[in-house]
C-alpha atoms as a PDB file:
ATOM      1  CA  UNK A   1      -5.368   9.156 -13.701  1.00  0.00           C
ATOM      2  CA  UNK A   2      -7.725  11.782 -15.283  1.00  0.00           C
ATOM      3  CA  UNK A   3      -9.871  10.317 -17.816  1.00  0.00           C
ATOM      4  CA  UNK A   4     -10.816  12.375 -20.347  1.00  0.00           C
ATOM      5  CA  UNK A   5     -13.501  12.470 -23.338  1.00  0.00           C
ATOM      6  CA  UNK A   6     -13.415  14.507 -26.407  1.00  0.00           C
ATOM      7  CA  UNK A   7     -16.012  15.236 -27.803  1.00  0.00           C
ATOM      8  CA  UNK A   8     -14.383  16.962 -30.799  1.00  0.00           C
ATOM      9  CA  UNK A   9     -11.914  15.635 -33.186  1.00  0.00           C
ATOM     10  CA  UNK A  10      -9.989  19.190 -33.475  1.00  0.00           C
ATOM     11  CA  UNK A  11      -8.948  18.234 -29.674  1.00  0.00           C
ATOM     12  CA  UNK A  12      -8.660  14.312 -29.679  1.00  0.00           C
ATOM     13  CA  UNK A  13      -6.228  15.885 -32.466  1.00  0.00           C
ATOM     14  CA  UNK A  14      -4.036  18.038 -30.430  1.00  0.00           C
ATOM     15  CA  UNK A  15      -4.099  15.344 -27.395  1.00  0.00           C
ATOM     16  CA  UNK A  16      -2.290  12.585 -29.816  1.00  0.00           C
ATOM     17  CA  UNK A  17      -0.188  15.493 -31.070  1.00  0.00           C
ATOM     18  CA  UNK A  18       0.635  16.187 -27.740  1.00  0.00           C
ATOM     19  CA  UNK A  19       1.166  12.651 -27.063  1.00  0.00           C
ATOM     20  CA  UNK A  20      -1.162  12.826 -24.530  1.00  0.00           C
ATOM     21  CA  UNK A  21      -3.963   9.702 -25.989  1.00  0.00           C
ATOM     22  CA  UNK A  22      -3.204   7.264 -22.937  1.00  0.00           C
ATOM     23  CA  UNK A  23      -5.522   9.593 -21.286  1.00  0.00           C
ATOM     24  CA  UNK A  24      -8.114   9.823 -23.738  1.00  0.00           C
ATOM     25  CA  UNK A  25     -10.870   7.380 -22.703  1.00  0.00           C
ATOM     26  CA  UNK A  26     -14.148   8.295 -25.181  1.00  0.00           C
ATOM     27  CA  UNK A  27     -14.227  10.334 -28.943  1.00  0.00           C
ATOM     28  CA  UNK A  28     -16.588  11.256 -31.393  1.00  0.00           C
ATOM     29  CA  UNK A  29     -17.619   9.187 -34.362  1.00  0.00           C
ATOM     30  CA  UNK A  30     -15.806  11.472 -36.378  1.00  0.00           C
ATOM     31  CA  UNK A  31     -12.396  11.193 -34.581  1.00  0.00           C
ATOM     32  CA  UNK A  32     -10.061   9.145 -36.048  1.00  0.00           C
ATOM     33  CA  UNK A  33      -8.611   7.232 -32.830  1.00  0.00           C
ATOM     34  CA  UNK A  34      -8.896   3.963 -31.309  1.00  0.00           C
ATOM     35  CA  UNK A  35     -11.061   4.720 -28.769  1.00  0.00           C
ATOM     36  CA  UNK A  36     -15.186   3.907 -28.300  1.00  0.00           C
ATOM     37  CA  UNK A  37     -17.219   6.255 -29.811  1.00  0.00           C
ATOM     38  CA  UNK A  38     -19.176   7.921 -27.285  1.00  0.00           C
ATOM     39  CA  UNK A  39     -21.099  10.464 -29.728  1.00  0.00           C
ATOM     40  CA  UNK A  40     -22.988   9.292 -32.855  1.00  0.00           C
ATOM     41  CA  UNK A  41     -24.935  11.496 -35.693  1.00  0.00           C
ATOM     42  CA  UNK A  42     -28.124  10.156 -37.362  1.00  0.00           C
ATOM     43  CA  UNK A  43     -26.392  11.380 -40.737  1.00  0.00           C
ATOM     44  CA  UNK A  44     -23.519   8.730 -39.841  1.00  0.00           C
ATOM     45  CA  UNK A  45     -23.299   6.177 -42.911  1.00  0.00           C
ATOM     46  CA  UNK A  46     -25.890   8.043 -44.787  1.00  0.00           C
ATOM     47  CA  UNK A  47     -25.709  10.189 -48.398  1.00  0.00           C
ATOM     48  CA  UNK A  48     -27.081  13.264 -49.255  1.00  0.00           C
ATOM     49  CA  UNK A  49     -26.231  15.986 -51.381  1.00  0.00           C
ATOM     50  CA  UNK A  50     -24.507  19.484 -50.233  1.00  0.00           C
ATOM     51  CA  UNK A  51     -28.794  20.605 -50.533  1.00  0.00           C
ATOM     52  CA  UNK A  52     -29.828  17.851 -48.791  1.00  0.00           C
ATOM     53  CA  UNK A  53     -27.940  18.187 -46.099  1.00  0.00           C
ATOM     54  CA  UNK A  54     -28.829  21.971 -45.484  1.00  0.00           C
ATOM     55  CA  UNK A  55     -32.661  20.882 -45.811  1.00  0.00           C
ATOM     56  CA  UNK A  56     -31.725  18.431 -43.150  1.00  0.00           C
ATOM     57  CA  UNK A  57     -30.003  21.109 -41.359  1.00  0.00           C
ATOM     58  CA  UNK A  58     -32.338  23.611 -41.395  1.00  0.00           C
ATOM     59  CA  UNK A  59     -34.699  21.705 -40.557  1.00  0.00           C
ATOM     60  CA  UNK A  60     -33.604  20.363 -37.524  1.00  0.00           C
ATOM     61  CA  UNK A  61     -32.341  23.687 -36.292  1.00  0.00           C
ATOM     62  CA  UNK A  62     -36.053  24.668 -36.608  1.00  0.00           C
ATOM     63  CA  UNK A  63     -37.497  22.365 -34.867  1.00  0.00           C
ATOM     64  CA  UNK A  64     -34.695  22.269 -31.934  1.00  0.00           C
ATOM     65  CA  UNK A  65     -33.311  18.678 -32.940  1.00  0.00           C
ATOM     66  CA  UNK A  66     -29.995  18.198 -32.622  1.00  0.00           C
ATOM     67  CA  UNK A  67     -28.256  15.464 -35.437  1.00  0.00           C
ATOM     68  CA  UNK A  68     -26.034  14.106 -32.751  1.00  0.00           C
ATOM     69  CA  UNK A  69     -27.056  11.647 -29.436  1.00  0.00           C
ATOM     70  CA  UNK A  70     -24.786  10.639 -27.334  1.00  0.00           C
ATOM     71  CA  UNK A  71     -24.711   6.787 -26.377  1.00  0.00           C
ATOM     72  CA  UNK A  72     -24.827   6.538 -22.476  1.00  0.00           C
ATOM     73  CA  UNK A  73     -24.358   3.659 -20.876  1.00  0.00           C
ATOM     74  CA  UNK A  74     -21.032   4.113 -23.067  1.00  0.00           C
ATOM     75  CA  UNK A  75     -20.460   7.190 -21.393  1.00  0.00           C
ATOM     76  CA  UNK A  76     -21.454   6.069 -17.325  1.00  0.00           C
ATOM     77  CA  UNK A  77     -18.837   3.213 -18.016  1.00  0.00           C
ATOM     78  CA  UNK A  78     -16.003   5.321 -18.746  1.00  0.00           C
ATOM     79  CA  UNK A  79     -16.746   7.910 -16.265  1.00  0.00           C
ATOM     80  CA  UNK A  80     -14.616  10.272 -17.416  1.00  0.00           C
ATOM     81  CA  UNK A  81     -13.445  13.009 -15.480  1.00  0.00           C
ATOM     82  CA  UNK A  82     -13.357  15.838 -18.369  1.00  0.00           C
ATOM     83  CA  UNK A  83     -14.965  15.847 -21.239  1.00  0.00           C
ATOM     84  CA  UNK A  84     -14.020  18.615 -24.003  1.00  0.00           C
ATOM     85  CA  UNK A  85     -16.893  20.214 -25.573  1.00  0.00           C
ATOM     86  CA  UNK A  86     -17.265  23.051 -28.877  1.00  0.00           C
ATOM     87  CA  UNK A  87     -19.956  25.940 -28.652  1.00  0.00           C
ATOM     88  CA  UNK A  88     -18.391  26.995 -32.284  1.00  0.00           C
ATOM     89  CA  UNK A  89     -20.853  25.168 -34.409  1.00  0.00           C
ATOM     90  CA  UNK A  90     -24.406  22.785 -33.173  1.00  0.00           C
ATOM     91  CA  UNK A  91     -24.566  21.874 -36.917  1.00  0.00           C
ATOM     92  CA  UNK A  92     -20.540  20.353 -37.166  1.00  0.00           C
ATOM     93  CA  UNK A  93     -20.141  18.762 -33.954  1.00  0.00           C
ATOM     94  CA  UNK A  94     -22.397  17.697 -30.737  1.00  0.00           C
ATOM     95  CA  UNK A  95     -22.572  21.164 -28.544  1.00  0.00           C
ATOM     96  CA  UNK A  96     -21.758  21.638 -24.996  1.00  0.00           C
ATOM     97  CA  UNK A  97     -25.835  22.295 -23.922  1.00  0.00           C
ATOM     98  CA  UNK A  98     -26.570  19.081 -25.353  1.00  0.00           C
ATOM     99  CA  UNK A  99     -23.544  17.107 -23.839  1.00  0.00           C
ATOM    100  CA  UNK A 100     -24.708  19.189 -20.153  1.00  0.00           C
ATOM    101  CA  UNK A 101     -28.056  17.639 -20.388  1.00  0.00           C
ATOM    102  CA  UNK A 102     -26.317  13.908 -20.436  1.00  0.00           C
ATOM    103  CA  UNK A 103     -23.652  14.326 -17.892  1.00  0.00           C
ATOM    104  CA  UNK A 104     -26.361  15.682 -15.619  1.00  0.00           C
ATOM    105  CA  UNK A 105     -28.135  11.895 -15.216  1.00  0.00           C
ATOM    106  CA  UNK A 106     -24.651  10.636 -14.777  1.00  0.00           C
ATOM    107  CA  UNK A 107     -23.331   8.934 -11.826  1.00  0.00           C
ATOM    108  CA  UNK A 108     -20.585  10.661 -11.637  1.00  0.00           C
ATOM    109  CA  UNK A 109     -20.720  13.839 -13.011  1.00  0.00           C
ATOM    110  CA  UNK A 110     -17.354  14.947 -15.204  1.00  0.00           C
ATOM    111  CA  UNK A 111     -16.175  18.463 -15.625  1.00  0.00           C
ATOM    112  CA  UNK A 112     -17.177  20.331 -18.961  1.00  0.00           C
ATOM    113  CA  UNK A 113     -14.532  22.169 -20.935  1.00  0.00           C
ATOM    114  CA  UNK A 114     -16.101  24.022 -23.682  1.00  0.00           C
ATOM    115  CA  UNK A 115     -13.704  25.067 -26.694  1.00  0.00           C
ATOM    116  CA  UNK A 116     -14.794  28.230 -28.459  1.00  0.00           C
ATOM    117  CA  UNK A 117     -12.085  28.832 -30.827  1.00  0.00           C
ATOM    118  CA  UNK A 118     -12.806  32.313 -32.970  1.00  0.00           C
ATOM    119  CA  UNK A 119      -9.392  32.682 -34.906  1.00  0.00           C
ATOM    120  CA  UNK A 120      -5.911  31.167 -35.292  1.00  0.00           C
ATOM    121  CA  UNK A 121      -4.588  32.282 -31.666  1.00  0.00           C
ATOM    122  CA  UNK A 122      -8.000  31.198 -30.006  1.00  0.00           C
ATOM    123  CA  UNK A 123      -7.218  27.928 -31.742  1.00  0.00           C
ATOM    124  CA  UNK A 124      -3.801  27.799 -30.258  1.00  0.00           C
ATOM    125  CA  UNK A 125      -4.716  28.989 -26.642  1.00  0.00           C
ATOM    126  CA  UNK A 126      -7.178  25.792 -27.000  1.00  0.00           C
ATOM    127  CA  UNK A 127      -3.789  23.278 -27.109  1.00  0.00           C
ATOM    128  CA  UNK A 128      -2.614  25.126 -23.925  1.00  0.00           C
ATOM    129  CA  UNK A 129      -6.445  24.524 -21.993  1.00  0.00           C
ATOM    130  CA  UNK A 130      -6.086  20.981 -23.028  1.00  0.00           C
ATOM    131  CA  UNK A 131      -2.793  20.549 -22.168  1.00  0.00           C
ATOM    132  CA  UNK A 132      -3.594  22.000 -18.737  1.00  0.00           C
ATOM    133  CA  UNK A 133      -6.245  19.633 -18.177  1.00  0.00           C
ATOM    134  CA  UNK A 134      -3.506  16.665 -18.489  1.00  0.00           C
ATOM    135  CA  UNK A 135      -1.389  18.714 -16.059  1.00  0.00           C
ATOM    136  CA  UNK A 136       1.174  18.951 -19.190  1.00  0.00           C
ATOM    137  CA  UNK A 137       1.012  22.778 -19.988  1.00  0.00           C
ATOM    138  CA  UNK A 138       4.613  21.964 -21.325  1.00  0.00           C
ATOM    139  CA  UNK A 139       3.394  20.106 -23.728  1.00  0.00           C
ATOM    140  CA  UNK A 140       1.540  22.675 -25.572  1.00  0.00           C
ATOM    141  CA  UNK A 141       4.235  25.169 -25.427  1.00  0.00           C
ATOM    142  CA  UNK A 142       6.559  22.874 -27.122  1.00  0.00           C
ATOM    143  CA  UNK A 143       3.604  22.220 -29.832  1.00  0.00           C
ATOM    144  CA  UNK A 144       3.018  25.561 -30.523  1.00  0.00           C
ATOM    145  CA  UNK A 145       6.745  26.339 -30.727  1.00  0.00           C
ATOM    146  CA  UNK A 146       7.176  24.338 -33.846  1.00  0.00           C
ATOM    147  CA  UNK A 147       3.639  25.256 -35.368  1.00  0.00           C
ATOM    148  CA  UNK A 148       5.013  29.320 -35.378  1.00  0.00           C
ATOM    149  CA  UNK A 149       8.161  28.234 -36.780  1.00  0.00           C
ATOM    150  CA  UNK A 150       6.160  26.856 -39.696  1.00  0.00           C
ATOM    151  CA  UNK A 151       4.238  30.156 -39.921  1.00  0.00           C
ATOM    152  CA  UNK A 152       7.122  32.383 -39.785  1.00  0.00           C
ATOM    153  CA  UNK A 153       8.912  31.151 -42.154  1.00  0.00           C
ATOM    154  CA  UNK A 154       5.244  31.719 -44.697  1.00  0.00           C
ATOM    155  CA  UNK A 155       5.032  35.051 -43.536  1.00  0.00           C
ATOM    156  CA  UNK A 156       9.057  36.394 -43.716  1.00  0.00           C
ATOM    157  CA  UNK A 157       8.997  34.395 -47.305  1.00  0.00           C
ATOM    158  CA  UNK A 158       6.369  37.197 -48.300  1.00  0.00           C
ATOM    159  CA  UNK A 159       7.790  39.937 -46.784  1.00  0.00           C
ATOM    160  CA  UNK A 160      11.487  38.663 -48.270  1.00  0.00           C
ATOM    161  CA  UNK A 161       9.761  39.121 -51.976  1.00  0.00           C
ATOM    162  CA  UNK A 162       7.109  41.933 -51.585  1.00  0.00           C
ATOM    163  CA  UNK A 163       4.756  39.148 -52.253  1.00  0.00           C
ATOM    164  CA  UNK A 164       1.767  41.093 -53.245  1.00  0.00           C
ATOM    165  CA  UNK A 165      -2.141  39.774 -52.087  1.00  0.00           C
ATOM    166  CA  UNK A 166      -3.906  37.641 -54.180  1.00  0.00           C
ATOM    167  CA  UNK A 167      -7.584  38.317 -54.280  1.00  0.00           C
ATOM    168  CA  UNK A 168      -9.304  34.547 -53.370  1.00  0.00           C
ATOM    169  CA  UNK A 169     -12.586  32.895 -51.778  1.00  0.00           C
ATOM    170  CA  UNK A 170     -12.328  30.014 -49.702  1.00  0.00           C
ATOM    171  CA  UNK A 171     -16.008  28.433 -50.669  1.00  0.00           C
ATOM    172  CA  UNK A 172     -17.085  26.408 -46.610  1.00  0.00           C
ATOM    173  CA  UNK A 173     -20.351  25.112 -48.656  1.00  0.00           C
ATOM    174  CA  UNK A 174     -21.844  25.165 -52.152  1.00  0.00           C
ATOM    175  CA  UNK A 175     -25.494  24.342 -52.342  1.00  0.00           C
ATOM    176  CA  UNK A 176     -26.197  26.779 -51.173  1.00  0.00           C
ATOM    177  CA  UNK A 177     -22.624  29.076 -51.548  1.00  0.00           C
ATOM    178  CA  UNK A 178     -21.508  29.862 -47.955  1.00  0.00           C
ATOM    179  CA  UNK A 179     -18.292  31.925 -47.617  1.00  0.00           C
ATOM    180  CA  UNK A 180     -15.527  31.400 -45.375  1.00  0.00           C
ATOM    181  CA  UNK A 181     -15.381  32.367 -41.873  1.00  0.00           C
ATOM    182  CA  UNK A 182     -13.842  31.842 -37.914  1.00  0.00           C
ATOM    183  CA  UNK A 183      -9.871  31.771 -38.323  1.00  0.00           C
ATOM    184  CA  UNK A 184      -9.923  30.673 -42.170  1.00  0.00           C
ATOM    185  CA  UNK A 185      -9.897  34.688 -43.181  1.00  0.00           C
ATOM    186  CA  UNK A 186      -6.407  34.360 -41.093  1.00  0.00           C
ATOM    187  CA  UNK A 187      -5.542  31.432 -42.739  1.00  0.00           C
ATOM    188  CA  UNK A 188      -5.732  32.999 -45.986  1.00  0.00           C
ATOM    189  CA  UNK A 189      -4.521  36.390 -44.467  1.00  0.00           C
ATOM    190  CA  UNK A 190      -1.188  34.413 -43.206  1.00  0.00           C
ATOM    191  CA  UNK A 191      -0.918  32.713 -46.725  1.00  0.00           C
ATOM    192  CA  UNK A 192      -0.266  35.734 -48.346  1.00  0.00           C
ATOM    193  CA  UNK A 193      -4.324  36.030 -49.222  1.00  0.00           C
ATOM    194  CA  UNK A 194      -7.304  38.619 -48.770  1.00  0.00           C
ATOM    195  CA  UNK A 195     -10.805  37.162 -48.662  1.00  0.00           C
ATOM    196  CA  UNK A 196     -12.852  40.321 -49.149  1.00  0.00           C
ATOM    197  CA  UNK A 197     -15.965  38.256 -48.895  1.00  0.00           C
ATOM    198  CA  UNK A 198     -14.931  36.048 -45.666  1.00  0.00           C
ATOM    199  CA  UNK A 199     -15.902  36.794 -42.362  1.00  0.00           C
ATOM    200  CA  UNK A 200     -13.356  36.846 -39.797  1.00  0.00           C
ATOM    201  CA  UNK A 201     -14.073  35.749 -35.923  1.00  0.00           C
ATOM    202  CA  UNK A 202     -17.610  35.299 -37.309  1.00  0.00           C
ATOM    203  CA  UNK A 203     -19.992  32.506 -38.477  1.00  0.00           C
ATOM    204  CA  UNK A 204     -19.664  31.544 -42.523  1.00  0.00           C
ATOM    205  CA  UNK A 205     -22.885  32.901 -43.758  1.00  0.00           C
ATOM    206  CA  UNK A 206     -24.822  32.365 -47.645  1.00  0.00           C
ATOM    207  CA  UNK A 207     -23.105  34.542 -50.225  1.00  0.00           C
ATOM    208  CA  UNK A 208     -25.130  35.255 -53.024  1.00  0.00           C
ATOM    209  CA  UNK A 209     -23.269  34.593 -56.389  1.00  0.00           C
ATOM    210  CA  UNK A 210     -23.549  37.761 -57.861  1.00  0.00           C
ATOM    211  CA  UNK A 211     -21.185  39.372 -55.004  1.00  0.00           C
ATOM    212  CA  UNK A 212     -18.789  36.959 -56.196  1.00  0.00           C
ATOM    213  CA  UNK A 213     -18.792  37.652 -60.038  1.00  0.00           C
ATOM    214  CA  UNK A 214     -18.222  40.916 -58.418  1.00  0.00           C
ATOM    215  CA  UNK A 215     -15.817  40.222 -56.550  1.00  0.00           C
ATOM    216  CA  UNK A 216     -14.105  38.129 -59.311  1.00  0.00           C
ATOM    217  CA  UNK A 217     -11.509  36.286 -56.945  1.00  0.00           C
ATOM    218  CA  UNK A 218      -8.131  35.029 -58.567  1.00  0.00           C
ATOM    219  CA  UNK A 219      -7.663  32.033 -56.264  1.00  0.00           C
ATOM    220  CA  UNK A 220     -10.553  30.068 -55.407  1.00  0.00           C
ATOM    221  CA  UNK A 221     -10.371  27.065 -53.162  1.00  0.00           C
ATOM    222  CA  UNK A 222     -13.513  25.107 -52.750  1.00  0.00           C
ATOM    223  CA  UNK A 223     -13.673  23.257 -49.399  1.00  0.00           C
ATOM    224  CA  UNK A 224     -16.879  22.242 -47.874  1.00  0.00           C
ATOM    225  CA  UNK A 225     -17.799  21.645 -44.452  1.00  0.00           C
ATOM    226  CA  UNK A 226     -17.045  17.891 -43.543  1.00  0.00           C
ATOM    227  CA  UNK A 227     -15.736  16.582 -47.509  1.00  0.00           C
ATOM    228  CA  UNK A 228     -12.959  15.342 -49.328  1.00  0.00           C
ATOM    229  CA  UNK A 229     -11.342  16.178 -52.517  1.00  0.00           C
ATOM    230  CA  UNK A 230     -13.421  13.519 -53.650  1.00  0.00           C
ATOM    231  CA  UNK A 231     -16.801  14.364 -51.735  1.00  0.00           C
ATOM    232  CA  UNK A 232     -16.026  17.705 -53.403  1.00  0.00           C
ATOM    233  CA  UNK A 233     -15.903  16.300 -56.977  1.00  0.00           C
ATOM    234  CA  UNK A 234     -19.410  14.886 -56.980  1.00  0.00           C
ATOM    235  CA  UNK A 235     -21.043  18.282 -55.866  1.00  0.00           C
ATOM    236  CA  UNK A 236     -19.219  20.938 -58.820  1.00  0.00           C
ATOM    237  CA  UNK A 237     -21.761  20.870 -60.791  1.00  0.00           C
ATOM    238  CA  UNK A 238     -23.373  23.555 -58.334  1.00  0.00           C
ATOM    239  CA  UNK A 239     -21.037  26.119 -58.771  1.00  0.00           C
ATOM    240  CA  UNK A 240     -19.821  25.203 -63.054  1.00  0.00           C
ATOM    241  CA  UNK A 241     -23.365  25.512 -64.123  1.00  0.00           C
ATOM    242  CA  UNK A 242     -24.342  29.063 -62.642  1.00  0.00           C
ATOM    243  CA  UNK A 243     -24.175  31.826 -64.714  1.00  0.00           C
ATOM    244  CA  UNK A 244     -20.315  33.557 -65.291  1.00  0.00           C
ATOM    245  CA  UNK A 245     -18.553  30.857 -64.161  1.00  0.00           C
ATOM    246  CA  UNK A 246     -16.433  30.733 -66.658  1.00  0.00           C
ATOM    247  CA  UNK A 247     -16.047  34.679 -66.284  1.00  0.00           C
ATOM    248  CA  UNK A 248     -14.280  34.107 -62.790  1.00  0.00           C
ATOM    249  CA  UNK A 249     -10.611  35.379 -63.052  1.00  0.00           C
ATOM    250  CA  UNK A 250      -9.639  32.081 -61.077  1.00  0.00           C
ATOM    251  CA  UNK A 251     -10.934  30.047 -63.288  1.00  0.00           C
ATOM    252  CA  UNK A 252      -9.820  31.238 -66.589  1.00  0.00           C
ATOM    253  CA  UNK A 253      -6.181  31.332 -65.135  1.00  0.00           C
ATOM    254  CA  UNK A 254      -6.772  27.818 -63.989  1.00  0.00           C
ATOM    255  CA  UNK A 255      -6.178  28.630 -60.123  1.00  0.00           C
ATOM    256  CA  UNK A 256      -9.412  26.828 -58.797  1.00  0.00           C
ATOM    257  CA  UNK A 257      -8.908  24.118 -56.593  1.00  0.00           C
ATOM    258  CA  UNK A 258     -10.816  21.393 -54.604  1.00  0.00           C
ATOM    259  CA  UNK A 259      -9.201  21.039 -50.576  1.00  0.00           C
ATOM    260  CA  UNK A 260     -10.154  18.523 -47.995  1.00  0.00           C
ATOM    261  CA  UNK A 261     -11.885  20.429 -45.706  1.00  0.00           C
ATOM    262  CA  UNK A 262     -10.365  19.515 -42.434  1.00  0.00           C
ATOM    263  CA  UNK A 263      -6.975  21.607 -43.620  1.00  0.00           C
ATOM    264  CA  UNK A 264      -9.421  24.619 -42.820  1.00  0.00           C
ATOM    265  CA  UNK A 265     -12.685  24.071 -40.684  1.00  0.00           C
ATOM    266  CA  UNK A 266     -11.439  21.916 -38.279  1.00  0.00           C
ATOM    267  CA  UNK A 267      -9.761  24.042 -35.336  1.00  0.00           C
ATOM    268  CA  UNK A 268      -6.787  22.151 -34.360  1.00  0.00           C
ATOM    269  CA  UNK A 269      -3.018  22.313 -35.772  1.00  0.00           C
ATOM    270  CA  UNK A 270      -3.833  21.118 -39.190  1.00  0.00           C
ATOM    271  CA  UNK A 271      -4.421  25.212 -40.051  1.00  0.00           C
ATOM    272  CA  UNK A 272      -1.333  25.572 -40.153  1.00  0.00           C
ATOM    273  CA  UNK A 273      -1.144  22.836 -42.485  1.00  0.00           C
ATOM    274  CA  UNK A 274      -4.036  24.704 -44.822  1.00  0.00           C
ATOM    275  CA  UNK A 275      -1.463  27.810 -44.628  1.00  0.00           C
ATOM    276  CA  UNK A 276       0.620  25.747 -46.092  1.00  0.00           C
ATOM    277  CA  UNK A 277      -0.953  24.636 -48.982  1.00  0.00           C
ATOM    278  CA  UNK A 278      -2.835  27.843 -49.240  1.00  0.00           C
ATOM    279  CA  UNK A 279       0.337  29.666 -49.116  1.00  0.00           C
ATOM    280  CA  UNK A 280       1.565  27.075 -51.875  1.00  0.00           C
ATOM    281  CA  UNK A 281      -1.469  27.648 -54.278  1.00  0.00           C
ATOM    282  CA  UNK A 282      -1.651  31.420 -53.768  1.00  0.00           C
ATOM    283  CA  UNK A 283       2.143  32.226 -54.334  1.00  0.00           C
ATOM    284  CA  UNK A 284       3.393  28.824 -56.509  1.00  0.00           C
ATOM    285  CA  UNK A 285       6.674  31.054 -57.365  1.00  0.00           C
ATOM    286  CA  UNK A 286       7.368  30.881 -53.635  1.00  0.00           C
ATOM    287  CA  UNK A 287       6.401  27.934 -52.105  1.00  0.00           C
ATOM    288  CA  UNK A 288       5.986  24.215 -52.953  1.00  0.00           C
ATOM    289  CA  UNK A 289       3.571  21.761 -52.172  1.00  0.00           C
ATOM    290  CA  UNK A 290       4.812  20.028 -49.035  1.00  0.00           C
ATOM    291  CA  UNK A 291       4.595  16.000 -49.581  1.00  0.00           C
ATOM    292  CA  UNK A 292       2.645  14.881 -47.135  1.00  0.00           C
ATOM    293  CA  UNK A 293      -0.399  17.754 -48.526  1.00  0.00           C
ATOM    294  CA  UNK A 294      -0.713  16.763 -52.146  1.00  0.00           C
ATOM    295  CA  UNK A 295      -3.116  13.921 -51.731  1.00  0.00           C
ATOM    296  CA  UNK A 296      -5.289  16.658 -49.821  1.00  0.00           C
ATOM    297  CA  UNK A 297      -5.846  18.823 -52.681  1.00  0.00           C
ATOM    298  CA  UNK A 298      -7.322  18.957 -56.151  1.00  0.00           C
ATOM    299  CA  UNK A 299      -6.595  20.847 -59.503  1.00  0.00           C
ATOM    300  CA  UNK A 300     -10.064  21.124 -60.588  1.00  0.00           C
ATOM    301  CA  UNK A 301      -9.001  22.556 -64.247  1.00  0.00           C
ATOM    302  CA  UNK A 302      -6.646  19.376 -64.538  1.00  0.00           C
ATOM    303  CA  UNK A 303      -7.758  17.241 -62.147  1.00  0.00           C
ATOM    304  CA  UNK A 304      -4.100  16.494 -61.041  1.00  0.00           C
ATOM    305  CA  UNK A 305      -2.173  17.974 -58.614  1.00  0.00           C
ATOM    306  CA  UNK A 306       0.184  21.504 -59.194  1.00  0.00           C
ATOM    307  CA  UNK A 307       3.378  20.630 -59.721  1.00  0.00           C
END
C-alpha cells in the first residue's frame, strides 16, 4: 500500500472527500484529520492581532525564515512514499523547497507532488492529481461531477433571472487591508458578482482604503485568511474606525458579512461551498443559505444570520 503525507489542509480535505484517507499517514497541524501531525508552526497556540501577524510574517520573510517546521523524526518513522506540498503561499503553509530540504535527509526519499492552484480549474485539476497518486483517478471524476452540478445550478439560475452582477469586495486581511486574489475572484463571478479590486489568478495585495471608498462596493465580505467569524469579529475595529466607513453602500445597505476564511482561502472543494454562500449573500431573492453553512457566516449589522 502506498503511504502518503499531505502537507496542506486542502489536499487532506480532498483525500477524505474521495474516501482515500486509509493511505494517509501524516498531515499538518491545521488539518482536521486524526493523523500524526508532521508539520508545525511557530505561531501555533499564540494569539496575535492582524497587524501583529502581518509584522511577524514580514519580518520572517525579510530574514529568509519560515514560520513552519517539520518533525523530522516523525517523518522518518512514517516513511511516506509520496508527500503533497504547495507553492502558492509560503505564509499560509510550508512550501515545497522547505519540505525538500527535510526529505533529502530521510533514509527513504519520498516523491514530492506540489499543488499550485491559481484559479478554480486548477483546484479541480488538483483533485485529479491527488486521486492519480492513489491510483484511484475515477474518485476524482465522481467528486468533480457532483461539484459541477452545484455550480451549474447557480449559473443557470442567474441566467434565467437575468440577475445583475453585484459590485462586491472580499477582504483577505484587515490590518493592513488586502484585496482577494487567486481563485476567489472566480468564486465571486460564479456567484453573480464582480470584484474589480480583486486580482484573479494572482496574489492578494495591500489595497488603499481610498481605493475602496472610490470603488464603493454594494456587498462587502470580510474573510481574513486563517480566521473564522469569531476571530474576525475581534478585528473589525480596524475597518469601522476608518474615515468614510459609514458612507459605503455595503454599510448603508446592511450588506457587510463576516465569513469563515476556509470557504475561500483553502483551495479544496470548500470553494464550492463558498460560491453557494456568496450567491445567497449577493442574490438573497434567488438563493437560500445552505443549512450546512449557516454557522459559517454572520451579518455585521445584526450579528445574526441572514433570514
